[in-house]
Amino acid sequence: MSTVRKTLKSAEEMRTNRANSRQRAQRAKTRERLIAGAIRVFAATGYAQASVEDVLIEAGVSRASFYSHVAGKAGLVEAIADVLVPIWRPLFEELADLQAPTFSQLEDWCRRNVTLYRQHQDICIILTQAAAIEPDLYWKLTAHREAISEWMADRNPTLAHLAVDPAARLRAMLALMQLDQACYYLAVRHWQDSGEAGIEAMASQLHHFLSTEAERGRCTASKGQI
């Protein structure tokens, strides 16, 4: 290939790359507008009552563009759930890393978890409403709790039995569900006038679960079952 042809091809590739980059950036901005508009609509009218048309108007997005990003309203609320993952994940990874945490450490962790719910209460309300009627979202949120159980099993030797004991895994899932519900009612629905009383109760439940499972894990390990 001649030098001229190589230069022309290189210039064409650069133009194509710039165009693709602009398209990706525009697509990302459209998706952001779509999700932000959906959060406003779902928070104002309730997930069940809101329509795709309501979201299109609020976000200023065409119907064709909407369906190029998500399959429908259920897909949109799953995208909203994805927005929250990088926000809650570090906090729960920290919980999984705690080795024999003190009650004070768990109180501090619960307090920060409640704060997270308060800061994102619109999304928390939307996900709670939608999970009751959208099976795919329900199982997506369940998979998140399963992932947290796996982190606990992988990172804490006394909780390694969570990976192989179905009953222990179920207890972990129930403890995480209870934690979610307590945070939701305390932070979002203002369950108690005194938030500290609720945080103390949450920390107590979490401490009971972790200490009890750690003891079970030590017994299981001593018997050579894991």
Protein backbone atom coordinates (compact mmCIF):
# COMPACT_ATOMS: atom_id res chain seq x y z
CA MET A 1 0.00 0.00 0.00
CA SER A 2 1.39 3.41 -0.96
CA THR A 3 2.21 6.06 1.62
CA VAL A 4 -0.67 8.22 0.31
CA ARG A 5 -3.18 5.39 0.70
CA LYS A 6 -1.90 4.63 4.21
CA THR A 7 -2.28 8.28 5.18
CA LEU A 8 -5.81 8.45 3.77
CA LYS A 9 -6.80 5.24 5.57
CA SER A 10 -5.34 6.52 8.83
CA ALA A 11 -7.25 9.79 8.52
CA GLU A 12 -10.48 7.93 7.77
CA GLU A 13 -9.99 5.67 10.80
CA MET A 14 -9.41 8.72 13.02
CA ARG A 15 -12.62 10.34 11.76
CA THR A 16 -14.52 7.10 12.37
CA ASN A 17 -13.10 6.78 15.89
CA ARG A 18 -14.04 10.39 16.70
CA ALA A 19 -17.55 9.82 15.36
CA ASN A 20 -17.92 6.60 17.38
CA SER A 21 -16.64 8.38 20.49
CA ARG A 22 -19.20 11.17 20.05
CA GLN A 23 -21.96 8.63 19.50
CA ARG A 24 -21.02 6.71 22.66
CA ALA A 25 -20.90 9.92 24.67
CA GLN A 26 -24.29 11.01 23.31
CA ARG A 27 -25.78 7.61 24.03
CA ALA A 28 -24.45 7.72 27.59
CA LYS A 29 -25.96 11.17 28.13
CA THR A 30 -29.32 10.02 26.77
CA ARG A 31 -29.29 7.03 29.14
CA GLU A 32 -28.47 9.32 32.06
CA ARG A 33 -31.38 11.64 31.15
CA LEU A 34 -33.67 8.66 30.82
CA ILE A 35 -32.78 7.25 34.24
CA ALA A 36 -32.89 10.64 35.97
CA GLY A 37 -36.28 11.39 34.40
CA ALA A 38 -37.61 7.97 35.41
CA ILE A 39 -36.52 8.49 39.02
CA ARG A 40 -38.37 11.82 39.14
CA VAL A 41 -41.52 10.35 37.60
CA PHE A 42 -41.56 7.15 39.68
CA ALA A 43 -40.88 9.11 42.88
CA ALA A 44 -43.67 11.61 42.15
CA THR A 45 -46.43 9.27 40.96
CA GLY A 46 -45.39 5.82 42.22
CA TYR A 47 -43.89 3.07 40.08
CA ALA A 48 -47.14 1.22 39.40
CA GLN A 49 -49.02 4.34 38.28
CA ALA A 50 -46.28 5.78 36.06
CA SER A 51 -46.21 5.06 32.34
CA VAL A 52 -43.43 4.94 29.76
CA GLU A 53 -45.01 8.00 28.14
CA ASP A 54 -44.65 9.92 31.42
CA VAL A 55 -40.94 9.10 31.47
CA LEU A 56 -40.45 10.06 27.80
CA ILE A 57 -41.96 13.49 28.42
CA GLU A 58 -40.00 14.10 31.62
CA ALA A 59 -36.68 12.96 30.15
CA GLY A 60 -37.18 14.53 26.71
CA VAL A 61 -36.33 11.25 25.02
CA SER A 62 -38.00 9.73 21.97
CA ARG A 63 -39.79 6.41 22.13
CA ALA A 64 -37.31 4.89 19.66
CA SER A 65 -34.40 6.05 21.77
CA PHE A 66 -36.06 4.70 24.91
CA TYR A 67 -36.39 1.21 23.45
CA SER A 68 -32.82 1.28 22.17
CA HIS A 69 -31.72 1.49 25.81
CA VAL A 70 -34.26 -0.67 27.68
CA ALA A 71 -36.98 -3.17 26.78
CA GLY A 72 -39.67 -1.44 28.83
CA LYS A 73 -40.56 -0.04 32.23
CA ALA A 74 -39.27 -3.13 34.03
CA GLY A 75 -35.92 -2.83 32.27
CA LEU A 76 -35.78 0.83 33.23
CA VAL A 77 -36.24 0.17 36.94
CA GLU A 78 -33.52 -2.50 36.75
CA ALA A 79 -31.24 0.17 35.27
CA ILE A 80 -32.11 2.37 38.25
CA ALA A 81 -31.11 -0.47 40.58
CA ASP A 82 -27.76 -0.70 38.75
CA VAL A 83 -27.11 2.98 39.51
CA LEU A 84 -27.15 2.19 43.23
CA VAL A 85 -24.74 -0.77 43.08
CA PRO A 86 -21.44 1.20 43.16
CA ILE A 87 -22.87 3.23 46.04
CA TRP A 88 -23.84 0.36 48.38
CA ARG A 89 -21.20 -2.16 47.31
CA PRO A 90 -18.19 -0.66 49.17
CA LEU A 91 -20.17 -0.51 52.40
CA PHE A 92 -21.16 -4.17 52.24
CA GLU A 93 -17.67 -5.22 51.19
CA GLU A 94 -16.49 -3.47 54.35
CA LEU A 95 -19.03 -5.49 56.37
CA ALA A 96 -17.78 -8.71 54.78
CA ASP A 97 -14.21 -7.80 55.72
CA LEU A 98 -14.97 -7.24 59.42
CA GLN A 99 -13.41 -9.93 61.59
CA ALA A 100 -15.22 -10.43 64.93
CA PRO A 101 -16.66 -6.89 64.85
CA THR A 102 -17.51 -5.16 68.09
CA PHE A 103 -21.00 -3.87 68.77
CA SER A 104 -19.67 -0.32 68.40
CA GLN A 105 -18.26 -1.11 64.96
CA LEU A 106 -21.60 -2.53 63.85
CA GLU A 107 -23.47 0.49 65.19
CA ASP A 108 -21.20 2.73 63.14
CA TRP A 109 -21.73 0.55 60.07
CA CYS A 110 -25.52 0.55 60.50
CA ARG A 111 -25.53 4.32 60.98
CA ARG A 112 -23.71 4.79 57.67
CA ASN A 113 -26.04 2.34 55.95
CA VAL A 114 -29.07 4.27 57.17
CA THR A 115 -27.44 7.49 55.93
CA LEU A 116 -27.02 5.89 52.49
CA TYR A 117 -30.74 5.08 52.43
CA ARG A 118 -31.61 8.63 53.43
CA GLN A 119 -29.41 10.11 50.73
CA HIS A 120 -31.02 7.93 48.06
CA GLN A 121 -34.49 7.53 49.49
CA ASP A 122 -36.30 8.17 46.19
CA ILE A 123 -34.50 5.23 44.58
CA CYS A 124 -35.06 3.07 47.68
CA ILE A 125 -38.80 3.76 47.57
CA ILE A 126 -38.94 3.03 43.83
CA LEU A 127 -37.09 -0.28 44.16
CA THR A 128 -39.25 -1.38 47.09
CA GLN A 129 -42.43 -0.63 45.12
CA ALA A 130 -41.20 -2.20 41.89
CA ALA A 131 -39.75 -5.36 43.44
CA ALA A 132 -43.24 -6.25 44.68
CA ILE A 133 -44.58 -6.44 41.11
CA GLU A 134 -41.56 -7.02 38.85
CA PRO A 135 -40.16 -10.58 39.21
CA ASP A 136 -36.93 -9.81 37.34
CA LEU A 137 -36.13 -6.93 39.69
CA TYR A 138 -36.96 -9.06 42.72
CA TRP A 139 -34.47 -11.72 41.60
CA LYS A 140 -31.89 -9.09 40.72
CA LEU A 141 -32.03 -7.71 44.27
CA THR A 142 -31.95 -11.26 45.63
CA ALA A 143 -28.80 -11.90 43.60
CA HIS A 144 -27.22 -8.86 45.25
CA ARG A 145 -27.84 -10.38 48.69
CA GLU A 146 -26.45 -13.71 47.49
CA ALA A 147 -23.30 -11.89 46.36
CA ILE A 148 -22.91 -10.32 49.81
CA SER A 149 -23.23 -13.78 51.40
CA GLU A 150 -20.50 -15.01 49.07
CA TRP A 151 -18.22 -12.11 50.06
CA MET A 152 -18.73 -13.00 53.72
CA ALA A 153 -17.87 -16.65 53.04
CA ASP A 154 -14.79 -15.75 50.99
CA ARG A 155 -13.36 -13.05 53.26
CA ASN A 156 -14.14 -14.25 56.76
CA PRO A 157 -12.77 -17.71 57.69
CA THR A 158 -15.36 -18.14 60.47
CA LEU A 159 -18.13 -17.63 57.90
CA ALA A 160 -16.69 -19.93 55.23
CA HIS A 161 -19.50 -22.42 55.91
CA LEU A 162 -21.94 -19.98 54.26
CA ALA A 163 -20.59 -21.23 50.94
CA VAL A 164 -21.46 -24.88 51.57
CA ASP A 165 -24.26 -24.94 54.16
CA PRO A 166 -27.68 -24.19 52.59
CA ALA A 167 -29.25 -23.48 55.99
CA ALA A 168 -26.48 -21.03 56.87
CA ARG A 169 -26.85 -19.31 53.50
CA LEU A 170 -30.58 -18.97 54.11
CA ARG A 171 -29.94 -17.45 57.54
CA ALA A 172 -27.58 -14.95 55.93
CA MET A 173 -30.15 -14.04 53.29
CA LEU A 174 -32.82 -13.53 55.94
CA ALA A 175 -30.49 -11.36 58.02
CA LEU A 176 -29.70 -9.19 54.98
CA MET A 177 -33.39 -8.89 54.06
CA GLN A 178 -34.18 -7.87 57.64
CA LEU A 179 -31.41 -5.29 57.49
CA ASP A 180 -32.80 -3.86 54.23
CA GLN A 181 -36.30 -3.61 55.67
CA ALA A 182 -35.09 -1.97 58.89
CA CYS A 183 -33.04 0.60 56.95
CA TYR A 184 -35.95 1.32 54.66
CA TYR A 185 -38.47 1.90 57.42
CA LEU A 186 -36.06 3.78 59.65
CA ALA A 187 -34.49 6.05 57.01
CA VAL A 188 -37.24 6.44 54.44
CA ARG A 189 -40.50 5.96 56.32
CA HIS A 190 -39.26 7.58 59.55
CA TRP A 191 -40.24 4.54 61.57
CA GLN A 192 -39.05 6.07 64.87
CA ASP A 193 -38.56 9.59 66.16
CA SER A 194 -35.22 8.44 67.57
CA GLY A 195 -33.07 7.10 64.77
CA GLU A 196 -30.38 6.02 67.22
CA ALA A 197 -32.76 3.57 68.90
CA GLY A 198 -33.41 1.95 65.52
CA ILE A 199 -29.70 1.83 64.70
CA GLU A 200 -28.99 0.16 68.04
CA ALA A 201 -31.67 -2.45 67.33
CA MET A 202 -30.25 -3.11 63.85
CA ALA A 203 -26.72 -3.44 65.19
CA SER A 204 -27.95 -5.84 67.87
CA GLN A 205 -29.59 -8.10 65.27
CA LEU A 206 -26.55 -7.98 63.02
CA HIS A 207 -24.20 -8.70 65.91
CA HIS A 208 -26.32 -11.70 66.93
CA PHE A 209 -26.25 -13.11 63.39
CA LEU A 210 -22.50 -12.63 62.90
CA SER A 211 -21.46 -13.92 66.33
CA THR A 212 -23.79 -16.94 66.14
CA GLU A 213 -22.67 -17.88 62.63
CA ALA A 214 -19.02 -17.38 63.55
CA GLU A 215 -19.45 -19.86 66.40
CA ARG A 216 -21.15 -22.31 64.05
CA GLY A 217 -18.33 -21.81 61.59
CA ARG A 218 -15.68 -22.58 64.20
CA CYS A 219 -17.53 -25.74 65.23
CA THR A 220 -17.87 -26.83 61.62
CA ALA A 221 -14.18 -26.18 60.94
CA SER A 222 -13.12 -28.11 64.07
CA LYS A 223 -15.05 -31.12 62.77
CA GLY A 224 -13.25 -30.86 59.44
CA GLN A 225 -16.47 -30.34 57.47
CA ILE A 226 -15.10 -27.37 55.45
